Amino acid sequence: MAQTQRKDEDHNPKRDPAPQSNTEKDPADWVTGKEPMTGAQASYMKTLSEIADEPEAFDESLTKAEASMRIDELKEKTGR
């Protein structure tokens, strides 16, 4: 039993998530994905859209999920 306990103590799900864990979800599957984007998302998207020289990429009406996907696209374009 002591060995099992020790093994559990060494496991950190945030550091070593299981391949089937839910630490990363597709934004389309987010429970709160249809809510308005957060202030942090808006700020980051605005910055990335300016760096990418694509001001039209910033859209304050996006949902959290849509903003996440747009941010990913802009990160890809800017290499950030």
N, C-alpha and C. Protein backbone atom coordinates (compact mmCIF):
# COMPACT_ATOMS: atom_id res chain seq x y z
N MET A 1 0.82 -1.19 0.00
CA MET A 1 0.00 0.00 0.00
C MET A 1 0.87 1.26 0.00
N ALA A 2 1.97 1.24 0.73
CA ALA A 2 2.85 2.40 0.78
C ALA A 2 3.38 2.73 -0.61
N GLN A 3 3.65 1.70 -1.41
CA GLN A 3 4.14 1.92 -2.76
C GLN A 3 3.08 2.60 -3.63
N THR A 4 1.83 2.20 -3.51
CA THR A 4 0.74 2.80 -4.27
C THR A 4 0.56 4.25 -3.87
N GLN A 5 0.62 4.51 -2.58
CA GLN A 5 0.49 5.88 -2.11
C GLN A 5 1.61 6.75 -2.66
N ARG A 6 2.79 6.26 -2.63
CA ARG A 6 3.95 7.01 -3.12
C ARG A 6 3.78 7.35 -4.60
N LYS A 7 3.31 6.37 -5.37
CA LYS A 7 3.12 6.58 -6.80
C LYS A 7 2.08 7.68 -7.03
N ASP A 8 0.98 7.68 -6.29
CA ASP A 8 -0.05 8.70 -6.43
C ASP A 8 0.48 10.08 -6.05
N GLU A 9 1.33 10.13 -5.03
CA GLU A 9 1.89 11.40 -4.60
C GLU A 9 2.80 11.99 -5.67
N ASP A 10 3.49 11.15 -6.42
CA ASP A 10 4.41 11.62 -7.45
C ASP A 10 3.68 12.08 -8.71
N HIS A 11 2.47 11.63 -8.90
CA HIS A 11 1.72 11.97 -10.11
C HIS A 11 1.11 13.37 -9.97
N ASN A 12 1.35 14.21 -10.93
CA ASN A 12 0.78 15.54 -10.96
C ASN A 12 0.03 15.68 -12.29
N PRO A 13 -1.32 15.67 -12.26
CA PRO A 13 -2.08 15.70 -13.50
C PRO A 13 -1.88 16.98 -14.32
N LYS A 14 -1.48 18.07 -13.68
CA LYS A 14 -1.23 19.29 -14.43
C LYS A 14 0.11 19.23 -15.15
N ARG A 15 1.06 18.55 -14.54
CA ARG A 15 2.39 18.43 -15.14
C ARG A 15 2.43 17.28 -16.14
N ASP A 16 1.76 16.17 -15.81
CA ASP A 16 1.79 14.97 -16.63
C ASP A 16 0.37 14.51 -16.95
N PRO A 17 -0.38 15.28 -17.76
CA PRO A 17 -1.75 14.86 -18.03
C PRO A 17 -1.80 13.59 -18.85
N ALA A 18 -2.81 12.81 -18.60
CA ALA A 18 -3.02 11.58 -19.37
C ALA A 18 -3.39 11.97 -20.80
N PRO A 19 -3.05 11.14 -21.76
CA PRO A 19 -3.38 11.48 -23.15
C PRO A 19 -4.87 11.70 -23.37
N GLN A 20 -5.70 11.04 -22.59
CA GLN A 20 -7.15 11.17 -22.75
C GLN A 20 -7.74 12.22 -21.80
N SER A 21 -6.91 13.05 -21.21
CA SER A 21 -7.41 14.02 -20.24
C SER A 21 -8.17 15.14 -20.94
N ASN A 22 -8.83 15.96 -20.12
CA ASN A 22 -9.60 17.06 -20.68
C ASN A 22 -8.89 18.39 -20.49
N THR A 23 -7.55 18.37 -20.37
CA THR A 23 -6.83 19.62 -20.18
C THR A 23 -6.86 20.48 -21.43
N GLU A 24 -7.06 19.88 -22.58
CA GLU A 24 -7.22 20.64 -23.82
C GLU A 24 -8.47 20.15 -24.52
N LYS A 25 -9.39 21.09 -24.73
CA LYS A 25 -10.63 20.75 -25.43
C LYS A 25 -10.74 21.62 -26.67
N ASP A 26 -11.40 21.08 -27.65
CA ASP A 26 -11.71 21.85 -28.84
C ASP A 26 -12.65 22.98 -28.40
N PRO A 27 -12.38 24.22 -28.80
CA PRO A 27 -13.26 25.32 -28.40
C PRO A 27 -14.73 25.07 -28.73
N ALA A 28 -15.01 24.30 -29.76
CA ALA A 28 -16.40 24.00 -30.10
C ALA A 28 -17.08 23.17 -29.01
N ASP A 29 -16.29 22.51 -28.17
CA ASP A 29 -16.84 21.67 -27.10
C ASP A 29 -16.90 22.38 -25.74
N TRP A 30 -16.47 23.64 -25.67
CA TRP A 30 -16.47 24.36 -24.41
C TRP A 30 -17.90 24.63 -23.94
N VAL A 31 -18.16 24.40 -22.68
CA VAL A 31 -19.48 24.68 -22.10
C VAL A 31 -19.77 26.17 -22.17
N THR A 32 -18.76 26.99 -21.95
CA THR A 32 -18.94 28.45 -21.95
C THR A 32 -18.52 29.08 -23.28
N GLY A 33 -18.35 28.28 -24.29
CA GLY A 33 -17.85 28.77 -25.57
C GLY A 33 -18.72 29.79 -26.27
N LYS A 34 -20.00 29.81 -25.95
CA LYS A 34 -20.91 30.74 -26.61
C LYS A 34 -21.02 32.09 -25.87
N GLU A 35 -20.35 32.18 -24.74
CA GLU A 35 -20.33 33.45 -24.00
C GLU A 35 -19.43 34.44 -24.72
N PRO A 36 -19.62 35.75 -24.46
CA PRO A 36 -18.74 36.74 -25.08
C PRO A 36 -17.28 36.49 -24.69
N MET A 37 -16.36 36.84 -25.59
CA MET A 37 -14.95 36.64 -25.28
C MET A 37 -14.57 37.46 -24.05
N THR A 38 -13.51 37.02 -23.42
CA THR A 38 -13.03 37.70 -22.22
C THR A 38 -12.24 38.95 -22.60
N GLY A 39 -12.00 39.79 -21.63
CA GLY A 39 -11.19 40.97 -21.86
C GLY A 39 -9.77 40.61 -22.27
N ALA A 40 -9.25 39.56 -21.65
CA ALA A 40 -7.90 39.12 -21.99
C ALA A 40 -7.84 38.63 -23.44
N GLN A 41 -8.86 37.90 -23.87
CA GLN A 41 -8.88 37.44 -25.26
C GLN A 41 -8.94 38.63 -26.21
N ALA A 42 -9.79 39.61 -25.89
CA ALA A 42 -9.94 40.78 -26.76
C ALA A 42 -8.61 41.53 -26.87
N SER A 43 -7.95 41.72 -25.74
CA SER A 43 -6.67 42.43 -25.74
C SER A 43 -5.63 41.69 -26.57
N TYR A 44 -5.53 40.38 -26.37
CA TYR A 44 -4.54 39.58 -27.09
C TYR A 44 -4.84 39.55 -28.59
N MET A 45 -6.12 39.39 -28.93
CA MET A 45 -6.49 39.36 -30.34
C MET A 45 -6.19 40.70 -31.00
N LYS A 46 -6.46 41.79 -30.30
CA LYS A 46 -6.19 43.12 -30.84
C LYS A 46 -4.69 43.27 -31.12
N THR A 47 -3.88 42.87 -30.15
CA THR A 47 -2.43 42.95 -30.33
C THR A 47 -1.96 42.10 -31.50
N LEU A 48 -2.42 40.86 -31.56
CA LEU A 48 -2.01 39.96 -32.64
C LEU A 48 -2.47 40.47 -34.01
N SER A 49 -3.68 41.02 -34.06
CA SER A 49 -4.18 41.52 -35.35
C SER A 49 -3.34 42.70 -35.83
N GLU A 50 -2.87 43.53 -34.88
CA GLU A 50 -2.00 44.65 -35.26
C GLU A 50 -0.64 44.15 -35.72
N ILE A 51 -0.08 43.16 -35.02
CA ILE A 51 1.22 42.60 -35.40
C ILE A 51 1.12 41.95 -36.78
N ALA A 52 0.01 41.26 -37.04
CA ALA A 52 -0.19 40.59 -38.32
C ALA A 52 -0.58 41.57 -39.43
N ASP A 53 -0.74 42.84 -39.09
CA ASP A 53 -1.19 43.86 -40.04
C ASP A 53 -2.52 43.48 -40.66
N GLU A 54 -3.40 42.94 -39.82
CA GLU A 54 -4.75 42.54 -40.22
C GLU A 54 -5.76 43.09 -39.22
N PRO A 55 -5.95 44.40 -39.18
CA PRO A 55 -6.86 44.97 -38.19
C PRO A 55 -8.29 44.43 -38.29
N GLU A 56 -8.67 43.99 -39.47
CA GLU A 56 -10.02 43.44 -39.65
C GLU A 56 -10.18 42.09 -38.95
N ALA A 57 -9.09 41.47 -38.55
CA ALA A 57 -9.16 40.19 -37.83
C ALA A 57 -9.71 40.36 -36.42
N PHE A 58 -9.63 41.58 -35.89
CA PHE A 58 -10.19 41.84 -34.57
C PHE A 58 -11.68 42.09 -34.71
N ASP A 59 -12.47 41.33 -33.97
CA ASP A 59 -13.92 41.46 -33.99
C ASP A 59 -14.43 41.31 -32.57
N GLU A 60 -14.86 42.41 -32.00
CA GLU A 60 -15.27 42.39 -30.59
C GLU A 60 -16.56 41.62 -30.34
N SER A 61 -17.25 41.19 -31.37
CA SER A 61 -18.50 40.45 -31.17
C SER A 61 -18.31 38.93 -31.11
N LEU A 62 -17.07 38.46 -31.20
CA LEU A 62 -16.83 37.01 -31.18
C LEU A 62 -17.12 36.40 -29.82
N THR A 63 -17.48 35.13 -29.83
CA THR A 63 -17.66 34.37 -28.59
C THR A 63 -16.30 33.91 -28.09
N LYS A 64 -16.28 33.34 -26.90
CA LYS A 64 -15.03 32.81 -26.34
C LYS A 64 -14.41 31.78 -27.28
N ALA A 65 -15.24 30.87 -27.78
CA ALA A 65 -14.73 29.81 -28.65
C ALA A 65 -14.21 30.39 -29.97
N GLU A 66 -14.98 31.30 -30.56
CA GLU A 66 -14.56 31.91 -31.83
C GLU A 66 -13.28 32.72 -31.64
N ALA A 67 -13.19 33.44 -30.53
CA ALA A 67 -12.00 34.24 -30.24
C ALA A 67 -10.78 33.33 -30.08
N SER A 68 -10.95 32.22 -29.41
CA SER A 68 -9.84 31.29 -29.22
C SER A 68 -9.32 30.79 -30.56
N MET A 69 -10.23 30.44 -31.44
CA MET A 69 -9.82 29.95 -32.76
C MET A 69 -9.16 31.06 -33.58
N ARG A 70 -9.69 32.28 -33.50
CA ARG A 70 -9.09 33.41 -34.23
C ARG A 70 -7.70 33.71 -33.68
N ILE A 71 -7.55 33.66 -32.37
CA ILE A 71 -6.24 33.89 -31.75
C ILE A 71 -5.24 32.84 -32.24
N ASP A 72 -5.67 31.59 -32.30
CA ASP A 72 -4.79 30.53 -32.80
C ASP A 72 -4.35 30.81 -34.23
N GLU A 73 -5.27 31.26 -35.06
CA GLU A 73 -4.93 31.59 -36.46
C GLU A 73 -3.92 32.72 -36.51
N LEU A 74 -4.14 33.75 -35.71
CA LEU A 74 -3.23 34.90 -35.70
C LEU A 74 -1.87 34.53 -35.13
N LYS A 75 -1.85 33.66 -34.13
CA LYS A 75 -0.58 33.21 -33.57
C LYS A 75 0.21 32.46 -34.64
N GLU A 76 -0.47 31.67 -35.43
CA GLU A 76 0.18 30.93 -36.51
C GLU A 76 0.78 31.90 -37.53
N LYS A 77 0.03 32.93 -37.90
CA LYS A 77 0.50 33.90 -38.88
C LYS A 77 1.67 34.74 -38.36
N THR A 78 1.64 35.05 -37.08
CA THR A 78 2.68 35.93 -36.53
C THR A 78 3.85 35.17 -35.95
N GLY A 79 3.72 33.86 -35.82
CA GLY A 79 4.79 33.05 -35.23
C GLY A 79 4.94 33.23 -33.74
N ARG A 80 3.89 33.64 -33.09
CA ARG A 80 3.92 33.86 -31.63
C ARG A 80 3.29 32.74 -30.88
